[in-house]
Amino acid sequence: MLKKNDKIFLAGHRGLVGSAIGRRLADSGYENIITRDRKDLDLLDQNKVRDFFATEKPDAVFIAAAKVGGILANNTFRSDFLYENLVIQNNLIWSSHQNDVETLVFLGSSCIYPKLCPQPMREEFLLGGPLEFTNRPYALAKIAGLELINTLVLQYGRRYFSAMPTNLYGPGDNFHAENSHVLPALIRKFHEAKQEGRSETIIWGTGKPKREFLFSEDCADAVVYLAENLSEDFYQEQMKTDEKYFHINVGSGQELSIRELAELISDVVGYKGDIVSDPSKPDGTPRKLLDSSKLFNLGWKPNTELRAGIAAAYQDFMSNGL
């Protein structure tokens, strides 16, 4: 378990969840946190990552580094998403193992679950059916990272685990009009429509798919909480299961349709025009609601209501994302 005097390497510290984890650790009194910018440590370079670990010898590692994007980016740059994520996570996880890192947290994604997965999605539903096509390469990379963690637990007795967050949003998000996830993309879309005085705004797909969202600061709180509190009992209980999975869902437990999300964001932004769906565009997975009961039963619950979180994300966009 994570200790206050641990030397912690936070990979991906400038990203949405990585920056939130950094703030959470600092606020909790962890003072020995090390980070590296891409220019100082290329996580795609196996030799440089290996040398970094051999020199720094961290006690704990949080892997929030990844190549990420929305439905368009995932479907367009399929090879890049598969290759780069495999290389980044393999370099970090294997170097952690080789250098006897005590605590390691790998951040995955809810897209690891099948496209038509039973709802809500429990951890044991992994590999239960075909993945959603548009983000299959990214999902396969994350599944590979998760399984590498599993094998290190089973083969070497490591006490590593993977956290599988639902759709995240918050300060420091990517608000790019085409390459971002749905919530920040809609914030930009409705803000620009408001600024330009448009009478209508088009959103991708039918608007019917349902999604779950979690504020990035809440996700960081959950991840650090798990690193501090996950006991030997968790590993022993998972050893008794057929699947022997060591990943934990991290969600809010609430979902809404993309149409409802668009209406909520337009209201927060103050856009008064009509919202028009474009069914010629892909919808993606019909539903993606995580069963986070395992996490909740360990004593953690989210703190941020969706409207308040969207308002905070919009304020961040106005300050930093334009």
C-alpha atoms as a PDB file:
ATOM      1  CA  MET A   1       0.000   0.000   0.000  1.00  0.00           C
ATOM      2  CA  LEU A   2       1.061   3.577  -0.682  1.00  0.00           C
ATOM      3  CA  LYS A   3       3.025   5.272   2.108  1.00  0.00           C
ATOM      4  CA  LYS A   4       3.642   8.982   2.759  1.00  0.00           C
ATOM      5  CA  ASN A   5       7.414   8.677   2.398  1.00  0.00           C
ATOM      6  CA  ASP A   6       7.252   6.723  -0.884  1.00  0.00           C
ATOM      7  CA  LYS A   7       9.100   8.054  -3.901  1.00  0.00           C
ATOM      8  CA  ILE A   8       6.286   8.267  -6.465  1.00  0.00           C
ATOM      9  CA  PHE A   9       6.717   8.464 -10.238  1.00  0.00           C
ATOM     10  CA  LEU A  10       3.643   9.933 -11.899  1.00  0.00           C
ATOM     11  CA  ALA A  11       3.684   9.163 -15.635  1.00  0.00           C
ATOM     12  CA  GLY A  12       1.396  11.380 -17.684  1.00  0.00           C
ATOM     13  CA  HIS A  13       1.332  14.194 -15.123  1.00  0.00           C
ATOM     14  CA  ARG A  14       0.168  16.822 -17.627  1.00  0.00           C
ATOM     15  CA  GLY A  15      -2.913  14.922 -18.792  1.00  0.00           C
ATOM     16  CA  LEU A  16      -6.463  15.167 -17.519  1.00  0.00           C
ATOM     17  CA  VAL A  17      -6.316  12.383 -14.939  1.00  0.00           C
ATOM     18  CA  GLY A  18      -2.557  12.568 -14.375  1.00  0.00           C
ATOM     19  CA  SER A  19      -2.664  16.222 -13.350  1.00  0.00           C
ATOM     20  CA  ALA A  20      -5.612  15.472 -11.050  1.00  0.00           C
ATOM     21  CA  ILE A  21      -3.690  12.608  -9.415  1.00  0.00           C
ATOM     22  CA  GLY A  22      -0.735  14.946  -8.905  1.00  0.00           C
ATOM     23  CA  ARG A  23      -2.939  17.487  -7.144  1.00  0.00           C
ATOM     24  CA  ARG A  24      -4.551  14.793  -5.016  1.00  0.00           C
ATOM     25  CA  LEU A  25      -1.188  13.376  -3.935  1.00  0.00           C
ATOM     26  CA  ALA A  26       0.207  16.812  -3.100  1.00  0.00           C
ATOM     27  CA  ASP A  27      -2.900  17.776  -1.133  1.00  0.00           C
ATOM     28  CA  SER A  28      -2.587  14.553   0.875  1.00  0.00           C
ATOM     29  CA  GLY A  29       0.958  15.264   1.965  1.00  0.00           C
ATOM     30  CA  TYR A  30       2.975  13.203  -0.506  1.00  0.00           C
ATOM     31  CA  GLU A  31       6.094  15.291  -1.040  1.00  0.00           C
ATOM     32  CA  ASN A  32       8.397  12.974  -2.988  1.00  0.00           C
ATOM     33  CA  ILE A  33       6.653  13.014  -6.373  1.00  0.00           C
ATOM     34  CA  ILE A  34       8.770  12.848  -9.526  1.00  0.00           C
ATOM     35  CA  THR A  35       7.586  13.652 -13.051  1.00  0.00           C
ATOM     36  CA  ARG A  36       9.169  13.962 -16.463  1.00  0.00           C
ATOM     37  CA  ASP A  37       8.100  15.926 -19.523  1.00  0.00           C
ATOM     38  CA  ARG A  38       8.149  14.192 -22.892  1.00  0.00           C
ATOM     39  CA  LYS A  39      11.298  16.072 -23.942  1.00  0.00           C
ATOM     40  CA  ASP A  40      13.105  14.716 -20.882  1.00  0.00           C
ATOM     41  CA  LEU A  41      11.798  11.138 -21.021  1.00  0.00           C
ATOM     42  CA  ASP A  42      10.307   9.602 -24.155  1.00  0.00           C
ATOM     43  CA  LEU A  43       8.101   6.800 -22.835  1.00  0.00           C
ATOM     44  CA  LEU A  44       8.215   5.154 -26.273  1.00  0.00           C
ATOM     45  CA  ASP A  45      11.969   4.619 -25.872  1.00  0.00           C
ATOM     46  CA  GLN A  46      12.538   1.378 -23.975  1.00  0.00           C
ATOM     47  CA  ASN A  47      16.180   2.102 -23.185  1.00  0.00           C
ATOM     48  CA  LYS A  48      15.488   5.558 -21.790  1.00  0.00           C
ATOM     49  CA  VAL A  49      12.619   4.278 -19.633  1.00  0.00           C
ATOM     50  CA  ARG A  50      14.771   1.418 -18.366  1.00  0.00           C
ATOM     51  CA  ASP A  51      17.630   3.782 -17.493  1.00  0.00           C
ATOM     52  CA  PHE A  52      15.256   6.196 -15.767  1.00  0.00           C
ATOM     53  CA  PHE A  53      13.907   3.479 -13.467  1.00  0.00           C
ATOM     54  CA  ALA A  54      17.370   2.109 -12.749  1.00  0.00           C
ATOM     55  CA  THR A  55      18.521   5.586 -11.706  1.00  0.00           C
ATOM     56  CA  GLU A  56      15.464   6.903  -9.857  1.00  0.00           C
ATOM     57  CA  LYS A  57      14.286   3.666  -8.198  1.00  0.00           C
ATOM     58  CA  PRO A  58      10.710   4.796  -7.422  1.00  0.00           C
ATOM     59  CA  ASP A  59       8.704   3.014  -4.722  1.00  0.00           C
ATOM     60  CA  ALA A  60       5.367   3.629  -6.436  1.00  0.00           C
ATOM     61  CA  VAL A  61       4.244   4.327  -9.999  1.00  0.00           C
ATOM     62  CA  PHE A  62       0.994   5.745 -11.335  1.00  0.00           C
ATOM     63  CA  ILE A  63       0.566   5.140 -15.082  1.00  0.00           C
ATOM     64  CA  ALA A  64      -1.722   7.834 -16.448  1.00  0.00           C
ATOM     65  CA  ALA A  65       0.337   8.272 -19.618  1.00  0.00           C
ATOM     66  CA  ALA A  66      -1.425   7.199 -22.812  1.00  0.00           C
ATOM     67  CA  LYS A  67      -2.317   8.280 -26.323  1.00  0.00           C
ATOM     68  CA  VAL A  68      -5.981   9.242 -26.026  1.00  0.00           C
ATOM     69  CA  GLY A  69      -8.713  10.777 -28.154  1.00  0.00           C
ATOM     70  CA  GLY A  70     -12.369  10.743 -29.072  1.00  0.00           C
ATOM     71  CA  ILE A  71     -14.274   8.519 -31.469  1.00  0.00           C
ATOM     72  CA  LEU A  72     -12.924  10.252 -34.602  1.00  0.00           C
ATOM     73  CA  ALA A  73      -9.286  10.133 -33.515  1.00  0.00           C
ATOM     74  CA  ASN A  74      -9.555   6.503 -32.354  1.00  0.00           C
ATOM     75  CA  ASN A  75     -11.102   5.397 -35.625  1.00  0.00           C
ATOM     76  CA  THR A  76      -8.733   7.415 -37.836  1.00  0.00           C
ATOM     77  CA  PHE A  77      -5.377   6.724 -36.191  1.00  0.00           C
ATOM     78  CA  ARG A  78      -5.989   3.084 -35.343  1.00  0.00           C
ATOM     79  CA  SER A  79      -2.390   1.875 -35.728  1.00  0.00           C
ATOM     80  CA  ASP A  80      -1.006   4.792 -33.714  1.00  0.00           C
ATOM     81  CA  PHE A  81      -3.401   4.169 -30.817  1.00  0.00           C
ATOM     82  CA  LEU A  82      -2.592   0.466 -30.682  1.00  0.00           C
ATOM     83  CA  TYR A  83       1.174   0.678 -31.115  1.00  0.00           C
ATOM     84  CA  GLU A  84       1.955   3.695 -28.958  1.00  0.00           C
ATOM     85  CA  ASN A  85      -0.182   2.603 -26.026  1.00  0.00           C
ATOM     86  CA  LEU A  86       1.263  -0.908 -26.087  1.00  0.00           C
ATOM     87  CA  VAL A  87       4.812   0.434 -26.086  1.00  0.00           C
ATOM     88  CA  ILE A  88       4.267   3.089 -23.401  1.00  0.00           C
ATOM     89  CA  GLN A  89       2.557   0.769 -20.938  1.00  0.00           C
ATOM     90  CA  ASN A  90       4.877  -2.173 -21.573  1.00  0.00           C
ATOM     91  CA  ASN A  91       7.943  -0.008 -20.956  1.00  0.00           C
ATOM     92  CA  LEU A  92       6.539   1.406 -17.727  1.00  0.00           C
ATOM     93  CA  ILE A  93       5.026  -1.780 -16.286  1.00  0.00           C
ATOM     94  CA  TRP A  94       8.000  -4.007 -17.077  1.00  0.00           C
ATOM     95  CA  SER A  95      10.544  -1.493 -15.812  1.00  0.00           C
ATOM     96  CA  SER A  96       8.513  -1.195 -12.608  1.00  0.00           C
ATOM     97  CA  HIS A  97       8.663  -4.946 -12.160  1.00  0.00           C
ATOM     98  CA  GLN A  98      12.370  -5.202 -12.954  1.00  0.00           C
ATOM     99  CA  ASN A  99      13.166  -2.487 -10.418  1.00  0.00           C
ATOM    100  CA  ASP A 100      10.980  -3.911  -7.635  1.00  0.00           C
ATOM    101  CA  VAL A 101       8.468  -1.068  -7.555  1.00  0.00           C
ATOM    102  CA  GLU A 102       6.199  -1.901  -4.634  1.00  0.00           C
ATOM    103  CA  THR A 103       2.963  -0.138  -5.677  1.00  0.00           C
ATOM    104  CA  LEU A 104       1.863   0.249  -9.281  1.00  0.00           C
ATOM    105  CA  VAL A 105      -1.458   1.584 -10.575  1.00  0.00           C
ATOM    106  CA  PHE A 106      -2.291   1.207 -14.271  1.00  0.00           C
ATOM    107  CA  LEU A 107      -5.068   3.434 -15.594  1.00  0.00           C
ATOM    108  CA  GLY A 108      -7.266   1.744 -18.185  1.00  0.00           C
ATOM    109  CA  SER A 109     -10.642   2.603 -19.687  1.00  0.00           C
ATOM    110  CA  SER A 110     -14.216   1.339 -19.702  1.00  0.00           C
ATOM    111  CA  CYS A 111     -13.865   0.676 -23.449  1.00  0.00           C
ATOM    112  CA  ILE A 112     -12.164  -2.619 -22.548  1.00  0.00           C
ATOM    113  CA  TYR A 113     -15.613  -4.183 -22.127  1.00  0.00           C
ATOM    114  CA  PRO A 114     -17.601  -5.723 -25.021  1.00  0.00           C
ATOM    115  CA  LYS A 115     -19.738  -3.480 -27.223  1.00  0.00           C
ATOM    116  CA  LEU A 116     -22.925  -5.258 -26.176  1.00  0.00           C
ATOM    117  CA  CYS A 117     -21.831  -5.959 -22.628  1.00  0.00           C
ATOM    118  CA  PRO A 118     -24.532  -6.637 -20.004  1.00  0.00           C
ATOM    119  CA  GLN A 119     -25.264  -3.496 -18.008  1.00  0.00           C
ATOM    120  CA  PRO A 120     -23.930  -2.375 -15.628  1.00  0.00           C
ATOM    121  CA  MET A 121     -20.534  -3.781 -16.599  1.00  0.00           C
ATOM    122  CA  ARG A 122     -18.860  -5.869 -13.920  1.00  0.00           C
ATOM    123  CA  GLU A 123     -15.139  -6.575 -13.900  1.00  0.00           C
ATOM    124  CA  GLU A 124     -15.647 -10.243 -14.784  1.00  0.00           C
ATOM    125  CA  PHE A 125     -17.453  -9.309 -18.044  1.00  0.00           C
ATOM    126  CA  LEU A 126     -14.083  -8.603 -19.671  1.00  0.00           C
ATOM    127  CA  LEU A 127     -13.491 -10.637 -22.875  1.00  0.00           C
ATOM    128  CA  GLY A 128     -17.156 -11.628 -22.967  1.00  0.00           C
ATOM    129  CA  GLY A 129     -17.797 -10.492 -26.548  1.00  0.00           C
ATOM    130  CA  PRO A 130     -16.633  -8.353 -29.503  1.00  0.00           C
ATOM    131  CA  LEU A 131     -15.311  -4.865 -28.814  1.00  0.00           C
ATOM    132  CA  GLU A 132     -16.749  -1.678 -30.293  1.00  0.00           C
ATOM    133  CA  PHE A 133     -15.029  -1.273 -33.682  1.00  0.00           C
ATOM    134  CA  THR A 134     -14.164   2.437 -33.619  1.00  0.00           C
ATOM    135  CA  ASN A 135     -11.960   2.165 -30.524  1.00  0.00           C
ATOM    136  CA  ARG A 136     -10.992  -1.523 -30.715  1.00  0.00           C
ATOM    137  CA  PRO A 137      -7.226  -0.840 -31.109  1.00  0.00           C
ATOM    138  CA  TYR A 138      -7.138   1.398 -28.032  1.00  0.00           C
ATOM    139  CA  ALA A 139      -9.229  -1.083 -26.061  1.00  0.00           C
ATOM    140  CA  LEU A 140      -6.970  -3.987 -27.003  1.00  0.00           C
ATOM    141  CA  ALA A 141      -3.920  -2.057 -25.865  1.00  0.00           C
ATOM    142  CA  LYS A 142      -5.544  -1.371 -22.496  1.00  0.00           C
ATOM    143  CA  ILE A 143      -6.603  -5.011 -22.145  1.00  0.00           C
ATOM    144  CA  ALA A 144      -3.015  -6.077 -22.820  1.00  0.00           C
ATOM    145  CA  GLY A 145      -1.775  -3.718 -20.092  1.00  0.00           C
ATOM    146  CA  LEU A 146      -4.374  -5.036 -17.683  1.00  0.00           C
ATOM    147  CA  GLU A 147      -3.361  -8.623 -18.395  1.00  0.00           C
ATOM    148  CA  LEU A 148       0.319  -7.798 -17.929  1.00  0.00           C
ATOM    149  CA  ILE A 149      -0.580  -6.504 -14.465  1.00  0.00           C
ATOM    150  CA  ASN A 150      -2.546  -9.708 -13.802  1.00  0.00           C
ATOM    151  CA  THR A 151       0.353 -11.925 -14.809  1.00  0.00           C
ATOM    152  CA  LEU A 152       2.776 -10.040 -12.573  1.00  0.00           C
ATOM    153  CA  VAL A 153       0.435 -10.562  -9.630  1.00  0.00           C
ATOM    154  CA  LEU A 154      -0.026 -14.249 -10.382  1.00  0.00           C
ATOM    155  CA  GLN A 155       3.505 -15.159 -11.445  1.00  0.00           C
ATOM    156  CA  TYR A 156       5.616 -12.898  -9.248  1.00  0.00           C
ATOM    157  CA  GLY A 157       3.323 -11.982  -6.373  1.00  0.00           C
ATOM    158  CA  ARG A 158       3.347  -8.276  -7.192  1.00  0.00           C
ATOM    159  CA  ARG A 159       0.670  -6.207  -5.495  1.00  0.00           C
ATOM    160  CA  TYR A 160      -0.127  -4.124  -8.566  1.00  0.00           C
ATOM    161  CA  PHE A 161      -3.635  -3.298  -9.803  1.00  0.00           C
ATOM    162  CA  SER A 162      -5.471  -1.611 -12.654  1.00  0.00           C
ATOM    163  CA  ALA A 163      -8.143   1.069 -12.308  1.00  0.00           C
ATOM    164  CA  MET A 164     -10.774   1.188 -15.083  1.00  0.00           C
ATOM    165  CA  PRO A 165     -12.323   4.673 -15.111  1.00  0.00           C
ATOM    166  CA  THR A 166     -15.505   5.562 -16.921  1.00  0.00           C
ATOM    167  CA  ASN A 167     -15.612   8.623 -19.227  1.00  0.00           C
ATOM    168  CA  LEU A 168     -13.648  11.380 -17.496  1.00  0.00           C
ATOM    169  CA  TYR A 169     -13.864  15.154 -17.815  1.00  0.00           C
ATOM    170  CA  GLY A 170     -12.654  18.192 -15.905  1.00  0.00           C
ATOM    171  CA  PRO A 171      -9.901  20.826 -15.647  1.00  0.00           C
ATOM    172  CA  GLY A 172      -7.065  20.299 -18.100  1.00  0.00           C
ATOM    173  CA  ASP A 173      -9.202  18.395 -20.587  1.00  0.00           C
ATOM    174  CA  ASN A 174      -8.612  18.346 -24.337  1.00  0.00           C
ATOM    175  CA  PHE A 175     -11.240  20.623 -25.888  1.00  0.00           C
ATOM    176  CA  HIS A 176     -10.240  20.059 -29.520  1.00  0.00           C
ATOM    177  CA  ALA A 177     -13.282  20.182 -31.799  1.00  0.00           C
ATOM    178  CA  GLU A 178     -12.490  16.856 -33.537  1.00  0.00           C
ATOM    179  CA  ASN A 179      -9.961  14.885 -31.491  1.00  0.00           C
ATOM    180  CA  SER A 180     -11.452  15.227 -27.996  1.00  0.00           C
ATOM    181  CA  HIS A 181     -13.969  13.115 -26.103  1.00  0.00           C
ATOM    182  CA  VAL A 182     -17.671  13.835 -26.303  1.00  0.00           C
ATOM    183  CA  LEU A 183     -18.155  16.031 -23.232  1.00  0.00           C
ATOM    184  CA  PRO A 184     -15.322  18.542 -23.823  1.00  0.00           C
ATOM    185  CA  ALA A 185     -16.074  18.514 -27.557  1.00  0.00           C
ATOM    186  CA  LEU A 186     -19.667  19.513 -26.829  1.00  0.00           C
ATOM    187  CA  ILE A 187     -18.497  22.274 -24.498  1.00  0.00           C
ATOM    188  CA  ARG A 188     -16.481  23.805 -27.328  1.00  0.00           C
ATOM    189  CA  LYS A 189     -19.231  23.211 -29.879  1.00  0.00           C
ATOM    190  CA  PHE A 190     -21.936  24.958 -27.849  1.00  0.00           C
ATOM    191  CA  HIS A 191     -19.630  27.765 -26.738  1.00  0.00           C
ATOM    192  CA  GLU A 192     -18.704  28.536 -30.361  1.00  0.00           C
ATOM    193  CA  ALA A 193     -22.346  28.262 -31.442  1.00  0.00           C
ATOM    194  CA  LYS A 194     -23.267  30.754 -28.723  1.00  0.00           C
ATOM    195  CA  GLN A 195     -20.492  33.141 -29.722  1.00  0.00           C
ATOM    196  CA  GLU A 196     -21.484  32.987 -33.387  1.00  0.00           C
ATOM    197  CA  GLY A 197     -25.209  33.267 -32.692  1.00  0.00           C
ATOM    198  CA  ARG A 198     -26.119  30.028 -34.517  1.00  0.00           C
ATOM    199  CA  SER A 199     -29.779  29.058 -34.548  1.00  0.00           C
ATOM    200  CA  GLU A 200     -28.943  25.328 -34.456  1.00  0.00           C
ATOM    201  CA  THR A 201     -26.063  23.035 -33.580  1.00  0.00           C
ATOM    202  CA  ILE A 202     -25.531  19.520 -34.957  1.00  0.00           C
ATOM    203  CA  ILE A 203     -24.345  16.681 -32.720  1.00  0.00           C
ATOM    204  CA  TRP A 204     -23.003  13.348 -33.960  1.00  0.00           C
ATOM    205  CA  GLY A 205     -25.211  10.245 -34.013  1.00  0.00           C
ATOM    206  CA  THR A 206     -28.769   9.700 -32.888  1.00  0.00           C
ATOM    207  CA  GLY A 207     -28.210  11.009 -29.365  1.00  0.00           C
ATOM    208  CA  LYS A 208     -29.638   7.778 -27.938  1.00  0.00           C
ATOM    209  CA  PRO A 209     -26.494   6.036 -26.596  1.00  0.00           C
ATOM    210  CA  LYS A 210     -26.047   6.389 -22.858  1.00  0.00           C
ATOM    211  CA  ARG A 211     -22.835   7.322 -21.121  1.00  0.00           C
ATOM    212  CA  GLU A 212     -21.520   7.576 -17.589  1.00  0.00           C
ATOM    213  CA  PHE A 213     -19.221  10.433 -16.599  1.00  0.00           C
ATOM    214  CA  LEU A 214     -16.883  11.032 -13.675  1.00  0.00           C
ATOM    215  CA  PHE A 215     -15.177  14.284 -12.724  1.00  0.00           C
ATOM    216  CA  SER A 216     -11.399  13.903 -13.092  1.00  0.00           C
ATOM    217  CA  GLU A 217     -10.744  15.098  -9.534  1.00  0.00           C
ATOM    218  CA  ASP A 218     -13.081  12.373  -8.244  1.00  0.00           C
ATOM    219  CA  CYS A 219     -11.260   9.772 -10.314  1.00  0.00           C
ATOM    220  CA  ALA A 220      -7.926  10.887  -8.880  1.00  0.00           C
ATOM    221  CA  ASP A 221      -9.360  10.683  -5.384  1.00  0.00           C
ATOM    222  CA  ALA A 222     -10.553   7.124  -6.053  1.00  0.00           C
ATOM    223  CA  VAL A 223      -7.217   6.005  -7.508  1.00  0.00           C
ATOM    224  CA  VAL A 224      -5.184   7.361  -4.598  1.00  0.00           C
ATOM    225  CA  TYR A 225      -7.738   5.954  -2.137  1.00  0.00           C
ATOM    226  CA  LEU A 226      -7.266   2.494  -3.659  1.00  0.00           C
ATOM    227  CA  ALA A 227      -3.474   2.794  -3.624  1.00  0.00           C
ATOM    228  CA  GLU A 228      -3.641   3.678   0.071  1.00  0.00           C
ATOM    229  CA  ASN A 229      -6.277   1.182   1.176  1.00  0.00           C
ATOM    230  CA  LEU A 230      -6.284  -1.870  -1.091  1.00  0.00           C
ATOM    231  CA  SER A 231      -5.417  -4.709   1.265  1.00  0.00           C
ATOM    232  CA  GLU A 232      -4.192  -8.266   0.910  1.00  0.00           C
ATOM    233  CA  ASP A 233      -7.808  -9.372   1.286  1.00  0.00           C
ATOM    234  CA  PHE A 234      -8.571  -7.981  -2.184  1.00  0.00           C
ATOM    235  CA  TYR A 235      -5.878 -10.118  -3.809  1.00  0.00           C
ATOM    236  CA  GLN A 236      -6.841 -13.220  -1.893  1.00  0.00           C
ATOM    237  CA  GLU A 237     -10.503 -12.833  -2.850  1.00  0.00           C
ATOM    238  CA  GLN A 238      -9.620 -12.349  -6.522  1.00  0.00           C
ATOM    239  CA  MET A 239      -7.397 -15.433  -6.415  1.00  0.00           C
ATOM    240  CA  LYS A 240     -10.494 -17.473  -5.592  1.00  0.00           C
ATOM    241  CA  THR A 241     -12.336 -16.410  -8.774  1.00  0.00           C
ATOM    242  CA  ASP A 242     -12.112 -18.185 -12.110  1.00  0.00           C
ATOM    243  CA  GLU A 243     -10.950 -15.064 -13.959  1.00  0.00           C
ATOM    244  CA  LYS A 244      -8.397 -13.847 -11.386  1.00  0.00           C
ATOM    245  CA  TYR A 245      -8.727 -10.248 -12.547  1.00  0.00           C
ATOM    246  CA  PHE A 246      -7.028  -7.493 -10.570  1.00  0.00           C
ATOM    247  CA  HIS A 247      -8.760  -4.466 -12.047  1.00  0.00           C
ATOM    248  CA  ILE A 248     -11.344  -2.264 -10.365  1.00  0.00           C
ATOM    249  CA  ASN A 249     -14.036  -0.197 -12.050  1.00  0.00           C
ATOM    250  CA  VAL A 250     -14.051   3.512 -11.195  1.00  0.00           C
ATOM    251  CA  GLY A 251     -17.354   5.205 -12.062  1.00  0.00           C
ATOM    252  CA  SER A 252     -20.108   7.441 -10.781  1.00  0.00           C
ATOM    253  CA  GLY A 253     -22.899   4.875 -11.042  1.00  0.00           C
ATOM    254  CA  GLN A 254     -25.102   7.263 -13.064  1.00  0.00           C
ATOM    255  CA  GLU A 255     -25.718   7.559 -16.795  1.00  0.00           C
ATOM    256  CA  LEU A 256     -27.570   9.779 -19.262  1.00  0.00           C
ATOM    257  CA  SER A 257     -28.118   9.825 -23.011  1.00  0.00           C
ATOM    258  CA  ILE A 258     -25.871  11.843 -25.322  1.00  0.00           C
ATOM    259  CA  ARG A 259     -28.918  13.963 -26.134  1.00  0.00           C
ATOM    260  CA  GLU A 260     -29.492  14.667 -22.445  1.00  0.00           C
ATOM    261  CA  LEU A 261     -25.811  15.456 -22.043  1.00  0.00           C
ATOM    262  CA  ALA A 262     -25.945  17.897 -24.968  1.00  0.00           C
ATOM    263  CA  GLU A 263     -28.971  19.632 -23.488  1.00  0.00           C
ATOM    264  CA  LEU A 264     -27.280  19.901 -20.089  1.00  0.00           C
ATOM    265  CA  ILE A 265     -24.063  21.317 -21.549  1.00  0.00           C
ATOM    266  CA  SER A 266     -25.914  23.795 -23.771  1.00  0.00           C
ATOM    267  CA  ASP A 267     -27.781  25.019 -20.694  1.00  0.00           C
ATOM    268  CA  VAL A 268     -24.579  25.423 -18.654  1.00  0.00           C
ATOM    269  CA  VAL A 269     -22.913  27.258 -21.553  1.00  0.00           C
ATOM    270  CA  GLY A 270     -25.991  29.414 -22.137  1.00  0.00           C
ATOM    271  CA  TYR A 271     -26.634  28.401 -25.750  1.00  0.00           C
ATOM    272  CA  LYS A 272     -30.254  29.064 -26.773  1.00  0.00           C
ATOM    273  CA  GLY A 273     -30.427  27.484 -30.247  1.00  0.00           C
ATOM    274  CA  ASP A 274     -31.786  24.118 -31.373  1.00  0.00           C
ATOM    275  CA  ILE A 275     -29.860  20.855 -31.025  1.00  0.00           C
ATOM    276  CA  VAL A 276     -30.028  18.665 -34.157  1.00  0.00           C
ATOM    277  CA  SER A 277     -28.857  15.037 -34.291  1.00  0.00           C
ATOM    278  CA  ASP A 278     -26.942  13.661 -37.301  1.00  0.00           C
ATOM    279  CA  PRO A 279     -27.762   9.921 -37.463  1.00  0.00           C
ATOM    280  CA  SER A 280     -25.330   9.444 -40.394  1.00  0.00           C
ATOM    281  CA  LYS A 281     -22.480   9.724 -37.890  1.00  0.00           C
ATOM    282  CA  PRO A 282     -21.477   6.753 -35.662  1.00  0.00           C
ATOM    283  CA  ASP A 283     -23.081   6.299 -32.264  1.00  0.00           C
ATOM    284  CA  GLY A 284     -20.451   4.040 -30.739  1.00  0.00           C
ATOM    285  CA  THR A 285     -21.348   1.601 -27.969  1.00  0.00           C
ATOM    286  CA  PRO A 286     -25.057   1.756 -26.994  1.00  0.00           C
ATOM    287  CA  ARG A 287     -24.390   1.835 -23.226  1.00  0.00           C
ATOM    288  CA  LYS A 288     -21.284   1.993 -21.057  1.00  0.00           C
ATOM    289  CA  LEU A 289     -22.314   1.968 -17.416  1.00  0.00           C
ATOM    290  CA  LEU A 290     -19.763   0.523 -15.029  1.00  0.00           C
ATOM    291  CA  ASP A 291     -20.666  -1.549 -12.017  1.00  0.00           C
ATOM    292  CA  SER A 292     -18.466   0.196  -9.446  1.00  0.00           C
ATOM    293  CA  SER A 293     -19.875  -1.682  -6.458  1.00  0.00           C
ATOM    294  CA  LYS A 294     -16.491  -3.260  -5.714  1.00  0.00           C
ATOM    295  CA  LEU A 295     -14.996   0.226  -5.302  1.00  0.00           C
ATOM    296  CA  PHE A 296     -17.998   1.571  -3.413  1.00  0.00           C
ATOM    297  CA  ASN A 297     -17.902  -1.410  -1.029  1.00  0.00           C
ATOM    298  CA  LEU A 298     -14.289  -0.519  -0.236  1.00  0.00           C
ATOM    299  CA  GLY A 299     -15.561   2.766   1.182  1.00  0.00           C
ATOM    300  CA  TRP A 300     -15.229   5.301  -1.639  1.00  0.00           C
ATOM    301  CA  LYS A 301     -17.950   7.386  -3.327  1.00  0.00           C
ATOM    302  CA  PRO A 302     -17.763  10.304  -5.820  1.00  0.00           C
ATOM    303  CA  ASN A 303     -18.307  13.860  -4.623  1.00  0.00           C
ATOM    304  CA  THR A 304     -19.065  15.949  -7.735  1.00  0.00           C
ATOM    305  CA  GLU A 305     -22.536  16.237  -9.287  1.00  0.00           C
ATOM    306  CA  LEU A 306     -22.483  16.276 -13.098  1.00  0.00           C
ATOM    307  CA  ARG A 307     -23.833  19.801 -13.624  1.00  0.00           C
ATOM    308  CA  ALA A 308     -21.344  21.255 -11.158  1.00  0.00           C
ATOM    309  CA  GLY A 309     -18.520  19.347 -12.816  1.00  0.00           C
ATOM    310  CA  ILE A 310     -19.514  20.564 -16.277  1.00  0.00           C
ATOM    311  CA  ALA A 311     -19.617  24.140 -14.979  1.00  0.00           C
ATOM    312  CA  ALA A 312     -16.075  23.717 -13.620  1.00  0.00           C
ATOM    313  CA  ALA A 313     -14.894  22.214 -16.913  1.00  0.00           C
ATOM    314  CA  TYR A 314     -16.481  25.083 -18.855  1.00  0.00           C
ATOM    315  CA  GLN A 315     -14.764  27.635 -16.626  1.00  0.00           C
ATOM    316  CA  ASP A 316     -11.452  25.871 -17.282  1.00  0.00           C
ATOM    317  CA  PHE A 317     -12.179  25.943 -21.027  1.00  0.00           C
ATOM    318  CA  MET A 318     -12.863  29.670 -20.863  1.00  0.00           C
ATOM    319  CA  SER A 319      -9.622  30.245 -18.959  1.00  0.00           C
ATOM    320  CA  ASN A 320      -7.256  27.794 -20.669  1.00  0.00           C
ATOM    321  CA  GLY A 321      -8.911  25.829 -23.467  1.00  0.00           C
ATOM    322  CA  LEU A 322      -9.762  28.425 -26.092  1.00  0.00           C
END
